[in-house]
Protein backbone atom coordinates (compact mmCIF):
# COMPACT_ATOMS: atom_id res chain seq x y z
CA MET A 1 18.95 76.69 100.32
CA LYS A 2 17.07 75.15 103.28
CA LYS A 3 20.18 74.97 105.48
CA LYS A 4 20.86 78.56 104.56
CA ARG A 5 17.33 79.61 105.68
CA ASN A 6 17.84 77.79 109.06
CA LYS A 7 20.93 79.47 109.61
CA LYS A 8 19.30 82.79 109.18
CA ALA A 9 16.63 81.93 111.44
CA ILE A 10 18.92 80.81 114.08
CA ILE A 11 20.81 83.90 114.03
CA PHE A 12 17.33 86.02 114.01
CA THR A 13 16.07 84.05 117.02
CA ALA A 14 19.49 84.46 118.85
CA ILE A 15 19.06 88.29 118.14
CA VAL A 16 15.56 88.26 119.50
CA MET A 17 16.83 86.41 122.58
CA PHE A 18 19.35 88.94 123.07
CA ILE A 19 16.56 91.60 122.73
CA GLY A 20 14.59 89.87 125.53
CA ILE A 21 17.74 90.17 127.73
CA LEU A 22 18.14 94.02 127.02
CA LEU A 23 14.33 94.47 127.75
CA VAL A 24 14.89 93.06 131.21
CA LEU A 25 17.92 95.25 131.78
CA ALA A 26 15.83 98.23 130.63
CA GLY A 27 13.34 97.32 133.23
CA PHE A 28 15.93 97.43 135.90
CA PHE A 29 18.16 100.17 134.78
CA GLY A 30 16.34 102.14 131.93
CA GLY A 31 15.37 105.07 134.20
CA TRP A 32 18.85 105.25 135.82
CA PHE A 33 20.59 105.13 132.21
CA LEU A 34 18.37 107.99 130.83
CA GLY A 35 18.85 110.00 133.90
CA LEU A 36 22.43 110.24 133.10
CA PHE A 37 21.61 112.71 130.36
CA TYR A 38 19.28 114.86 132.67
CA LYS A 39 21.78 116.04 135.17
CA ASP A 40 21.76 119.96 134.84
CA LEU A 41 21.74 120.46 138.66
CA ASP A 42 25.20 120.16 140.14
CA TYR A 43 23.81 120.23 143.87
CA LYS A 44 27.32 120.22 145.53
CA ASN A 45 28.03 123.48 143.84
CA ILE A 46 24.97 125.72 143.92
CA THR A 47 25.74 129.56 144.28
CA PRO A 48 23.46 132.70 144.61
CA ALA A 49 24.20 133.24 140.93
CA ASP A 50 21.97 130.09 140.11
CA MET A 51 18.99 131.49 141.72
CA GLY A 52 16.11 131.67 138.99
CA LYS A 53 17.89 129.05 136.88
CA GLN A 54 15.44 126.80 135.11
CA ILE A 55 15.95 123.21 136.20
CA GLU A 56 15.32 120.02 134.07
CA THR A 57 17.15 117.26 136.00
CA ASP A 58 16.65 113.45 136.72
CA ILE A 59 16.00 112.18 140.32
CA GLN A 60 15.52 108.93 142.01
CA VAL A 61 12.66 109.71 144.31
CA TYR A 62 13.53 109.26 147.84
CA TYR A 63 12.30 111.73 150.26
CA ASP A 64 11.62 112.53 153.82
CA ASN A 65 8.09 113.40 154.18
CA ILE A 66 8.26 116.32 156.39
CA ASP A 67 4.91 117.61 157.83
CA VAL A 68 5.06 120.99 155.99
CA PRO A 69 2.09 121.52 153.34
CA ASP A 70 3.35 120.75 149.89
CA LYS A 71 7.04 120.45 150.60
CA THR A 72 9.38 117.47 150.96
CA LEU A 73 12.95 116.89 151.34
CA GLN A 74 14.33 115.11 148.40
CA LEU A 75 17.55 113.00 148.62
CA LEU A 76 20.37 114.00 145.93
CA GLY A 77 23.39 111.69 145.63
CA GLY A 78 23.46 108.16 146.87
CA LEU A 79 21.98 107.53 150.30
CA ASN A 80 25.07 105.20 150.93
CA SER A 81 27.52 107.53 149.83
CA ASP A 82 29.39 110.34 151.94
CA ASP A 83 28.19 113.20 149.68
CA TYR A 84 24.42 113.04 149.76
CA LYS A 85 22.41 116.03 150.54
CA PHE A 86 18.61 116.85 150.97
CA ILE A 87 17.07 119.60 148.94
CA ILE A 88 13.72 121.26 149.52
CA LEU A 89 11.02 120.63 146.92
CA ASP A 90 7.94 122.96 146.58
CA LEU A 91 5.09 120.94 145.14
CA SER A 92 2.57 123.58 145.53
CA ASN A 93 2.41 124.47 141.78
CA LEU A 94 1.65 120.82 140.84
CA SER A 95 -1.76 119.15 140.22
CA GLU A 96 -2.95 116.72 142.81
CA GLU A 97 -2.42 113.95 140.15
CA ASP A 98 1.42 114.98 139.66
CA LYS A 99 1.80 115.13 143.50
CA GLU A 100 0.86 111.43 143.56
CA THR A 101 2.96 110.42 140.94
CA TYR A 102 5.93 112.03 142.79
CA TYR A 103 4.97 110.27 145.99
CA ASP A 104 4.20 106.91 144.40
CA SER A 105 7.50 106.77 142.42
CA ILE A 106 9.41 106.01 145.30
CA ILE A 107 13.01 104.49 144.25
CA GLN A 108 12.12 105.32 140.67
CA HIS A 109 13.65 107.78 138.34
CA ILE A 110 11.70 110.66 137.40
CA THR A 111 12.45 113.91 135.50
CA ILE A 112 11.35 117.19 137.25
CA LYS A 113 11.23 120.79 135.72
CA GLY A 114 11.25 123.97 137.89
CA THR A 115 12.93 126.91 139.32
CA LEU A 116 15.90 127.11 141.69
CA ARG A 117 15.33 129.60 144.58
CA ALA A 118 17.05 130.43 147.68
CA VAL A 119 15.59 129.68 151.18
CA ASP A 120 14.98 132.31 153.99
CA ASP A 121 15.69 131.60 157.65
CA GLU A 122 12.05 131.16 158.56
CA GLU A 123 11.32 128.61 155.86
CA TYR A 124 14.68 126.83 156.56
CA GLN A 125 13.83 126.59 160.40
CA GLU A 126 10.33 125.42 159.66
CA VAL A 127 11.87 122.37 157.31
CA THR A 128 14.46 121.58 159.65
CA GLY A 129 12.01 121.66 162.83
CA ALA A 130 9.84 119.47 161.02
CA LEU A 131 12.85 117.10 160.14
CA PHE A 132 13.81 117.04 163.86
CA GLU A 133 10.32 115.90 164.71
CA LEU A 134 10.60 113.28 162.29
CA TYR A 135 13.83 111.70 163.64
CA ASP A 136 14.01 112.89 167.32
CA TYR A 137 12.95 109.28 168.26
CA MET A 138 16.24 107.90 167.04
CA TYR A 139 18.33 109.84 169.33
CA TYR A 140 16.39 108.94 172.44
CA GLU A 141 16.17 105.52 171.38
CA ARG A 142 19.93 105.29 171.21
CA LEU A 143 20.10 107.01 174.51
CA GLU A 144 17.99 104.66 176.28
CA GLN A 145 19.82 101.74 174.70
CA ALA A 146 23.15 103.32 176.06
CA LYS A 147 21.65 103.60 179.45
CA ALA A 148 20.27 100.15 179.38
CA GLU A 149 23.83 98.90 178.63
CA ASN A 150 25.77 101.22 180.74
CA GLY A 151 23.41 102.26 183.72
CA GLU A 152 20.86 104.87 184.23
CA ASP A 153 23.65 107.42 185.29
CA TYR A 154 24.92 107.33 181.78
CA GLU A 155 25.50 110.77 180.15
CA THR A 156 26.09 110.91 176.50
CA SER A 157 28.63 113.59 175.07
CA TYR A 158 26.57 113.61 171.90
CA THR A 159 23.62 116.11 172.84
CA LEU A 160 20.38 116.46 171.06
CA ASP A 161 21.47 119.84 169.68
CA GLN A 162 24.54 117.99 168.10
CA PHE A 163 22.09 115.58 166.45
CA HIS A 164 20.01 118.40 165.10
CA ASP A 165 23.09 119.96 163.65
CA PHE A 166 23.76 116.76 162.06
CA LEU A 167 20.49 116.66 160.32
CA SER A 168 20.54 120.33 159.51
CA ASP A 169 23.97 119.81 157.77
CA SER A 170 22.35 117.37 155.22
CA VAL A 171 19.64 119.94 154.09
CA ILE A 172 20.71 122.39 151.26
CA PRO A 173 19.58 125.73 151.98
CA TYR A 174 17.85 126.13 148.48
CA CYS A 175 14.61 124.85 147.02
CA ILE A 176 13.15 123.81 143.66
CA GLU A 177 9.85 124.92 142.89
CA VAL A 178 8.58 122.03 140.69
CA LYS A 179 6.47 123.07 137.76
CA SER A 180 6.00 119.76 136.24
CA ILE A 181 7.04 116.06 136.59
CA SER A 182 7.46 113.34 134.14
CA THR A 183 8.15 109.74 134.59
CA PHE A 184 8.12 106.44 132.68
CA ASN A 185 7.48 102.99 134.41
CA TRP A 186 10.09 100.68 133.10
CA ILE A 187 9.01 97.85 135.33
CA PRO A 188 6.66 96.05 132.51
CA PHE A 189 9.68 95.61 130.50
CA ILE A 190 11.03 93.04 132.82
CA PRO A 191 8.15 90.41 132.25
CA ALA A 192 8.11 91.42 128.60
CA GLY A 193 11.49 90.86 128.15
CA VAL A 194 11.30 87.31 129.95
CA LEU A 195 8.48 86.45 127.72
CA VAL A 196 10.42 87.33 124.61
CA PHE A 197 13.63 85.58 125.73
CA ILE A 198 11.57 82.21 126.50
CA ILE A 199 9.59 82.49 123.27
CA ALA A 200 13.03 82.95 121.13
CA LEU A 201 14.61 80.16 123.17
CA ILE A 202 11.95 77.76 122.37
CA LEU A 203 12.08 78.87 118.62
CA GLU A 204 15.99 78.39 118.76
CA ILE A 205 15.63 74.89 120.26
CA CYS A 206 13.13 73.95 117.52
CA LEU A 207 15.37 75.22 114.92
CA VAL A 208 18.78 73.90 116.04
CA PHE A 209 17.42 70.37 116.68
CA LYS A 210 15.03 70.43 113.98
CA PHE A 211 11.92 69.78 115.98
CA LYS A 212 8.64 70.32 114.41
CA LYS A 213 7.39 73.68 115.62
CA ARG A 214 3.60 72.71 114.92
CA ILE A 215 3.93 69.80 117.31
CA VAL A 216 6.29 71.18 119.96
CA LEU A 217 5.26 74.88 120.32
CA PRO A 218 1.57 74.28 121.67
CA ILE A 219 2.98 71.53 124.09
CA VAL A 220 5.75 74.09 125.41
CA TYR A 221 3.24 77.07 125.51
CA GLY A 222 0.66 75.00 127.21
CA LEU A 223 3.12 73.73 129.76
CA MET A 224 4.45 77.28 130.27
CA VAL A 225 0.88 78.09 131.55
CA ILE A 226 -0.14 74.81 133.22
CA VAL A 227 2.97 74.24 135.05
CA PRO A 228 3.23 77.56 136.98
CA ALA A 229 -0.33 77.47 137.50
CA ILE A 230 -0.04 74.22 139.31
CA MET A 231 3.16 75.34 141.25
CA PHE A 232 1.92 78.41 142.33
CA TRP A 233 -1.77 77.77 142.73
CA ASN A 234 -2.21 78.74 146.31
CA HIS A 235 -0.02 81.83 145.72
CA ILE A 236 -2.61 82.72 142.99
CA ARG A 237 -5.70 82.09 145.00
CA THR A 238 -4.26 84.29 147.74
CA ILE A 239 -3.31 87.22 145.46
CA LEU A 240 -6.92 87.17 144.08
CA THR A 241 -8.17 87.67 147.54
CA ILE A 242 -6.15 90.96 148.18
CA ASN A 243 -8.34 93.85 148.53
CA LYS A 244 -7.31 97.42 148.71
CA VAL A 245 -9.71 98.82 151.46
CA ALA A 246 -8.13 102.12 151.39
CA ASP A 247 -4.77 103.87 150.61
CA GLY A 248 -2.22 101.90 152.56
CA PHE A 249 -4.67 99.47 153.78
CA TYR A 250 -5.32 95.96 152.44
CA THR A 251 -6.91 92.66 153.43
CA MET A 252 -5.80 89.09 152.28
CA LYS A 253 -7.03 85.50 152.80
CA ASN A 254 -3.96 83.11 153.24
CA TYR A 255 -3.84 80.08 151.38
CA GLU A 256 -0.12 79.43 151.04
CA CYS A 257 1.63 80.28 154.11
CA THR A 258 -0.10 77.89 156.39
CA ASP A 259 2.82 75.31 157.30
CA THR A 260 3.01 76.70 160.87
CA MET A 261 4.13 73.55 162.38
CA GLY A 262 6.91 73.46 159.66
CA LEU A 263 7.75 77.03 160.78
CA LEU A 264 8.01 76.15 164.46
CA ALA A 265 10.09 73.08 163.57
CA SER A 266 12.54 74.88 161.45
CA ASN A 267 14.87 75.62 164.04
CA SER A 268 15.36 79.28 163.02
CA GLN A 269 17.26 81.64 165.17
CA THR A 270 17.33 84.79 162.86
CA SER A 271 15.24 86.54 160.34
CA ASP A 272 17.54 85.25 157.50
CA ASP A 273 16.89 81.61 158.82
CA VAL A 274 13.11 82.41 158.71
CA PHE A 275 13.20 83.71 155.11
CA ASN A 276 15.58 80.84 154.00
CA TRP A 277 13.01 78.29 155.35
CA ILE A 278 10.00 80.40 153.56
CA PHE A 279 11.81 80.50 150.17
CA ASP A 280 12.69 76.90 150.32
CA LYS A 281 9.17 75.77 151.38
CA HIS A 282 7.05 78.28 149.38
CA LEU A 283 9.35 79.51 146.52
CA TYR A 284 10.88 76.23 145.54
CA GLY A 285 14.38 76.87 146.76
CA ALA A 286 14.76 80.47 145.12
CA PRO A 287 17.46 82.32 146.70
CA ASN A 288 16.42 84.57 149.79
CA VAL A 289 16.17 88.29 148.52
CA PHE A 290 15.09 89.62 151.83
CA SER A 291 17.04 91.10 154.66
CA ILE A 292 15.54 93.13 157.38
CA ASP A 293 17.79 95.87 158.87
CA ASP A 294 17.66 95.76 162.65
CA ASP A 295 17.59 99.54 162.66
CA SER A 296 14.45 99.61 160.45
CA VAL A 297 12.25 97.51 162.82
CA GLY A 298 12.16 99.53 166.10
CA PHE A 299 8.57 100.09 166.77
CA GLY A 300 6.68 101.47 169.82
CA CYS A 301 3.38 100.06 170.91
CA ALA A 302 0.59 100.03 173.60
CA THR A 303 -1.66 97.14 174.55
CA PHE A 304 -4.39 96.41 177.19
CA ALA A 305 -7.24 93.91 178.07
CA ALA A 306 -10.61 94.88 179.03
CA VAL A 307 -13.96 93.71 179.31
CA THR A 308 -17.11 95.53 177.72
CA PRO A 309 -20.17 96.25 180.02
CA GLU A 310 -21.88 93.21 178.22
CA GLY A 311 -19.07 91.06 179.31
CA ASP A 312 -17.12 90.62 175.93
CA HIS A 313 -13.38 90.58 176.25
CA ILE A 314 -11.57 92.83 174.28
CA PHE A 315 -7.82 93.50 173.40
CA GLY A 316 -6.57 96.98 172.45
CA ARG A 317 -3.24 97.57 170.48
CA ASN A 318 -1.61 100.53 169.01
CA PHE A 319 1.39 99.83 166.59
CA ASP A 320 3.81 102.76 166.33
CA LEU A 321 6.37 102.68 163.44
CA MET A 322 7.84 104.76 160.71
CA GLU A 323 5.37 104.88 157.57
CA THR A 324 4.15 101.39 156.64
CA ASP A 325 1.17 100.19 154.63
CA THR A 326 -0.73 97.66 156.64
CA LEU A 327 -2.29 94.13 155.71
CA LEU A 328 -5.06 92.50 157.56
CA VAL A 329 -4.61 88.67 157.04
CA TYR A 330 -7.15 85.84 157.61
CA SER A 331 -5.68 82.51 157.92
CA HIS A 332 -7.12 78.94 158.70
CA PRO A 333 -4.34 76.26 158.00
CA ASP A 334 -5.48 72.54 158.11
CA GLY A 335 -5.47 71.43 161.51
CA CYS A 336 -5.21 74.92 163.04
CA TYR A 337 -7.53 77.48 164.34
CA GLU A 338 -8.97 80.43 162.35
CA SER A 339 -7.33 83.75 162.94
CA ILE A 340 -7.22 87.29 161.96
CA GLY A 341 -3.87 89.37 162.43
CA VAL A 342 -2.07 92.48 161.09
CA THR A 343 1.48 92.92 159.65
CA GLY A 344 3.35 95.88 158.17
CA LEU A 345 4.32 95.84 154.57
CA SER A 346 7.39 98.00 155.01
CA PHE A 347 9.40 95.08 156.58
CA PHE A 348 9.27 93.34 153.14
CA GLY A 349 10.22 96.49 151.13
CA THR A 350 6.69 97.14 149.98
CA GLY A 351 4.41 100.20 150.29
CA GLU A 352 4.69 103.94 150.57
CA ASN A 353 8.29 105.02 150.86
CA ALA A 354 9.48 101.53 149.75
CA GLN A 355 10.88 99.86 146.65
CA VAL A 356 7.81 97.87 145.82
CA ASP A 357 4.39 99.27 144.82
CA PRO A 358 1.72 97.22 146.65
CA ASP A 359 -0.56 97.53 144.04
CA SER A 360 1.83 96.14 141.50
CA ALA A 361 1.89 92.36 140.62
CA LEU A 362 5.17 92.16 142.46
CA GLY A 363 3.76 94.01 145.54
CA LYS A 364 0.78 91.53 145.60
CA PHE A 365 3.29 88.53 145.20
CA VAL A 366 5.22 89.79 148.23
CA MET A 367 2.13 90.00 150.43
CA VAL A 368 1.82 86.24 149.83
CA ILE A 369 4.70 85.52 152.22
CA THR A 370 3.80 87.91 154.93
CA PRO A 371 1.10 85.86 157.02
CA TYR A 372 3.82 84.44 159.00
CA PHE A 373 4.75 87.70 160.29
CA VAL A 374 1.90 89.03 161.96
CA LEU A 375 2.42 91.60 164.69
CA ASP A 376 -0.79 91.28 166.50
CA GLY A 377 -4.03 89.20 165.98
CA MET A 378 -6.53 86.74 167.63
CA ASN A 379 -7.88 83.33 166.71
CA GLU A 380 -11.41 81.61 166.97
CA LYS A 381 -10.60 80.33 170.49
CA GLY A 382 -10.42 83.89 171.80
CA VAL A 383 -6.62 84.02 172.34
CA ALA A 384 -5.13 87.37 171.28
CA ALA A 385 -1.40 88.29 171.30
CA GLY A 386 0.69 91.43 170.35
CA ILE A 387 4.56 91.90 170.22
CA LEU A 388 6.20 95.01 171.56
CA GLN A 389 9.78 96.15 171.65
CA VAL A 390 11.86 96.76 174.78
CA ASN A 391 15.08 98.38 174.30
CA ILE A 392 17.24 95.85 176.49
CA ASP A 393 19.66 93.16 175.35
CA GLU A 394 18.29 90.64 172.70
CA PRO A 395 17.39 87.26 173.97
CA HIS A 396 19.61 84.34 172.86
CA GLN A 397 18.48 81.21 174.96
CA ASP A 398 20.42 78.14 175.05
CA ASN A 399 18.63 75.44 177.11
CA GLY A 400 18.75 72.42 174.44
CA LYS A 401 15.55 73.21 173.19
CA PRO A 402 14.42 73.97 169.65
CA ASP A 403 15.14 77.59 168.48
CA LEU A 404 12.39 80.05 167.58
CA PRO A 405 12.57 83.86 166.82
CA VAL A 406 10.45 85.73 169.17
CA TYR A 407 8.65 87.58 166.52
CA MET A 408 7.50 84.40 164.88
CA ALA A 409 5.69 83.41 168.23
CA ILE A 410 2.43 85.34 167.41
CA ARG A 411 1.79 82.96 164.22
CA GLY A 412 2.38 79.89 166.30
CA ILE A 413 0.18 81.26 169.28
CA LEU A 414 -2.86 82.13 166.83
CA ASP A 415 -2.74 78.89 164.95
CA THR A 416 -2.24 76.33 167.74
CA CYS A 417 -3.24 77.82 171.39
CA ALA A 418 -6.59 77.81 172.78
CA SER A 419 -5.75 79.60 175.96
CA VAL A 420 -3.08 81.78 177.53
CA ASP A 421 -1.71 78.79 179.38
CA GLU A 422 -1.25 77.01 176.03
CA ALA A 423 0.40 80.01 174.63
CA LEU A 424 2.84 80.08 177.52
CA SER A 425 3.53 76.21 177.25
CA LEU A 426 4.25 76.75 173.66
CA LEU A 427 6.87 79.46 174.47
CA GLU A 428 8.54 77.30 177.10
CA SER A 429 9.15 74.59 174.68
CA TYR A 430 11.69 76.64 172.62
CA ASP A 431 14.82 78.60 173.11
CA ILE A 432 13.84 82.07 172.17
CA HIS A 433 16.12 84.38 169.91
CA SER A 434 15.92 87.59 168.29
CA ASP A 435 18.62 89.20 165.72
CA LEU A 436 16.35 92.43 165.54
CA GLY A 437 16.17 93.60 169.29
CA ASN A 438 14.45 92.49 172.24
CA TYR A 439 10.50 92.19 172.68
CA HIS A 440 7.83 91.26 174.91
CA LEU A 441 4.70 89.51 174.28
CA PHE A 442 1.26 90.45 175.41
CA ILE A 443 -1.15 87.74 175.56
CA THR A 444 -4.73 87.53 176.68
CA ASP A 445 -7.83 85.36 176.16
CA ARG A 446 -11.61 85.48 176.59
CA SER A 447 -11.39 83.78 180.20
CA GLY A 448 -10.12 87.19 181.14
CA ARG A 449 -6.50 86.11 181.75
CA TYR A 450 -3.91 88.27 180.62
CA VAL A 451 -0.04 88.17 180.78
CA VAL A 452 3.15 89.97 179.69
CA VAL A 453 5.91 87.52 178.77
CA GLU A 454 9.53 88.83 178.62
CA TRP A 455 13.00 87.33 178.10
CA LEU A 456 15.28 88.79 180.92
CA ASP A 457 18.92 87.30 181.43
CA ASN A 458 17.86 84.58 178.92
CA GLU A 459 15.06 83.46 181.07
CA MET A 460 11.26 83.77 180.50
CA VAL A 461 9.44 85.78 182.89
CA VAL A 462 5.61 85.71 183.09
CA THR A 463 3.98 88.70 184.73
CA GLU A 464 0.27 88.84 185.14
CA TYR A 465 -0.59 92.42 184.09
CA PRO A 466 -3.60 93.92 181.92
CA TYR A 467 -1.28 96.34 180.03
CA CYS A 468 2.15 97.13 178.60
CA THR A 469 3.89 99.45 176.45
CA ASN A 470 7.65 99.33 175.59
CA SER A 471 9.32 99.21 179.01
CA VAL A 472 9.88 96.10 181.08
CA ILE A 473 6.89 94.83 183.09
CA ALA A 474 8.43 92.23 185.60
CA PRO A 475 9.27 93.45 189.00
CA GLY A 476 13.08 93.30 189.76
CA MET A 477 16.41 94.87 188.30
CA TYR A 478 15.06 95.44 184.82
CA TYR A 479 11.56 96.92 185.73
CA ASP A 480 10.81 100.01 183.69
CA MET A 481 13.90 99.56 181.51
CA GLY A 482 13.34 99.99 177.68
CA ASP A 483 11.50 102.92 176.76
CA PRO A 484 9.38 104.00 179.88
CA ASP A 485 6.63 106.82 179.54
CA ASP A 486 3.56 107.77 180.95
CA ARG A 487 1.18 105.60 178.55
CA ILE A 488 0.81 102.84 181.03
CA THR A 489 -0.63 105.41 183.58
CA THR A 490 -2.72 107.05 181.04
CA ILE A 491 -4.31 103.62 180.30
CA ASP A 492 -4.61 102.81 183.85
CA GLU A 493 -6.33 106.01 184.85
CA ASN A 494 -8.69 105.30 181.91
CA LEU A 495 -9.64 101.79 182.61
CA GLY A 496 -9.58 101.69 186.33
CA PRO A 497 -9.36 98.69 188.46
CA SER A 498 -12.43 97.30 186.97
CA LEU A 499 -10.91 97.04 183.37
CA ILE A 500 -14.32 97.90 181.96
CA ALA A 501 -14.74 99.71 178.63
CA THR A 502 -16.77 99.60 175.63
CA GLU A 503 -15.22 98.95 172.26
CA GLN A 504 -15.49 102.78 171.64
CA GLU A 505 -14.16 103.81 174.81
CA ALA A 506 -11.20 101.17 174.09
CA MET A 507 -10.51 102.92 170.85
CA ASP A 508 -10.43 106.28 172.70
CA ILE A 509 -7.86 105.11 175.06
CA LEU A 510 -5.71 104.23 172.14
CA ASP A 511 -6.21 107.59 170.59
CA LYS A 512 -5.03 109.13 174.04
CA VAL A 513 -1.87 107.13 174.11
CA HIS A 514 -1.21 107.06 170.12
CA ASN A 515 2.18 108.56 168.98
CA LYS A 516 1.92 112.42 168.65
CA GLN A 517 4.56 112.42 166.17
CA GLY A 518 2.69 110.83 163.43
CA LEU A 519 4.24 107.38 163.89
CA THR A 520 1.08 105.22 165.03
CA GLU A 521 0.34 103.10 161.88
CA TRP A 522 -2.60 101.05 163.07
CA SER A 523 -4.94 100.87 166.07
CA CYS A 524 -7.00 97.76 166.67
CA VAL A 525 -9.59 96.57 168.94
CA TYR A 526 -10.15 92.94 168.97
CA ASN A 527 -13.63 91.46 170.25
CA LEU A 528 -12.43 87.92 171.49
CA ASP A 529 -15.98 86.82 172.13
CA ASP A 530 -17.58 87.82 168.77
CA PHE A 531 -14.25 87.31 166.83
CA THR A 532 -14.34 90.76 165.12
CA VAL A 533 -11.77 93.45 164.92
CA SER A 534 -12.28 97.08 164.31
CA ILE A 535 -9.03 99.02 163.00
CA CYS A 536 -7.99 102.47 162.19
CA LEU A 537 -5.07 103.77 160.27
CA ASP A 538 -2.26 106.40 160.76
CA ALA A 539 -4.11 107.65 163.97
CA ASP A 540 -7.29 108.44 162.11
CA PHE A 541 -9.62 107.65 164.72
CA GLY A 542 -12.68 109.14 163.17
CA THR A 543 -12.47 106.32 160.35
CA THR A 544 -12.69 102.76 161.71
CA TYR A 545 -13.13 99.52 159.78
CA THR A 546 -14.66 96.41 161.23
CA PHE A 547 -14.13 93.00 160.04
CA SER A 548 -15.42 89.39 160.94
CA VAL A 549 -14.43 86.08 159.43
CA THR A 550 -17.41 86.40 156.89
CA ASP A 551 -15.53 89.38 155.26
CA PHE A 552 -13.01 87.04 153.94
CA ALA A 553 -15.18 84.37 152.68
């Protein structure tokens, strides 16, 4: 009888293991599967006869957040397919809570109920006009890139009107007036399924090999807690410091990604090389799941150095990009300088309009590996640096030196350099590369020195200049190539030859040169003498947050 009971127990635990696997699959694909049963909208074959029809359909939330009150353009069909379209969703009938449910469910499946209606010319022009404003930068970016490659006399046969026609063709001239939204969060099924599977597996091992459960189980369960806690102690410590300051804005104290010297010695050339090194070093050789699309990282910025009337040296910086949540990181690796820097979470698939909710456990775990990718910052020695894009050929130096991607240089400068001269020596000791476009660096320190560092014809060129945006500063054949505009003139007119400005005046200058199409994600004024940073988000210059080292204690 005992043998028979063991067989049944073995079969039972095997079934429970299978249930655990199903729970994990449900976490990944549950929304998609149930969505197959809520498809009463054939978006490719809508006719006038369908107007007024009550719609109940499942959608995967992926939208263009156009600047039209209570309206958005929701993707229908697969983004990577040839038959995708966008339909207007009118959310004005929803409660604020339901609107947030929609906006916060990016890449998740939800069910919407509403009424299908036509869109008149005025409404269609309003929506497509907002769409043009959202994406026109792409047209001009490609045009400038073509001019950089083919000469300033290059004339494109693909006009802006044709680009607008392309965008308009993707918008169905119909609207769903959404009455209600329902959703179900499948993500918790993943850890639950893993836990069920592991417990059942342990029981299965005990039954098959006839181990005494009262001895084995406490040991195994204890190890399940203790071993991960030891392995991921610094990850956990870092996660516990994450603070949500405001919607889309977080602060964090970095305890894990502190091996800057190892990063600098990793001989990386590409973003994949860097991520592979991070996963080997900090995630125990787990396979790299990140891949940055070079079309997703183009950003426009403005930087300048100034001196306050009291003699403090300050560094002003705008960071312009499509929507990203912002993370302010404090870091102090052993043997390195203290620093405060900023990075964008969208590069890691986290945040608004991204796959991972930054408030989720996974989102916070992703934040742990971001400190190597700060895009501007300062250290305790009064050295500050920022990276800005220039649309010219990527640098790929080959001088027999160790390799380093240019976008990893900020971390190295903040952790190891006490002056502009030391930063330049650091950069000169590497062959600089980029697989994500070309960039120049603006570096300044509290001695009052400032430089713009550029890689032209694979040579490092240093120009002493107090500000830069997204065009080449170095005199010569490349001068003003990239994305020339009038922001440098505006900065120059407001700072004057003395470069004197209060911190508030510096923020006002950033306001004057911020992107007027809603693409400025953060604006910082770093005080290099008192080691504080003031930051505002999304061009909301009326709301400023100020941080010092003590705020991260």
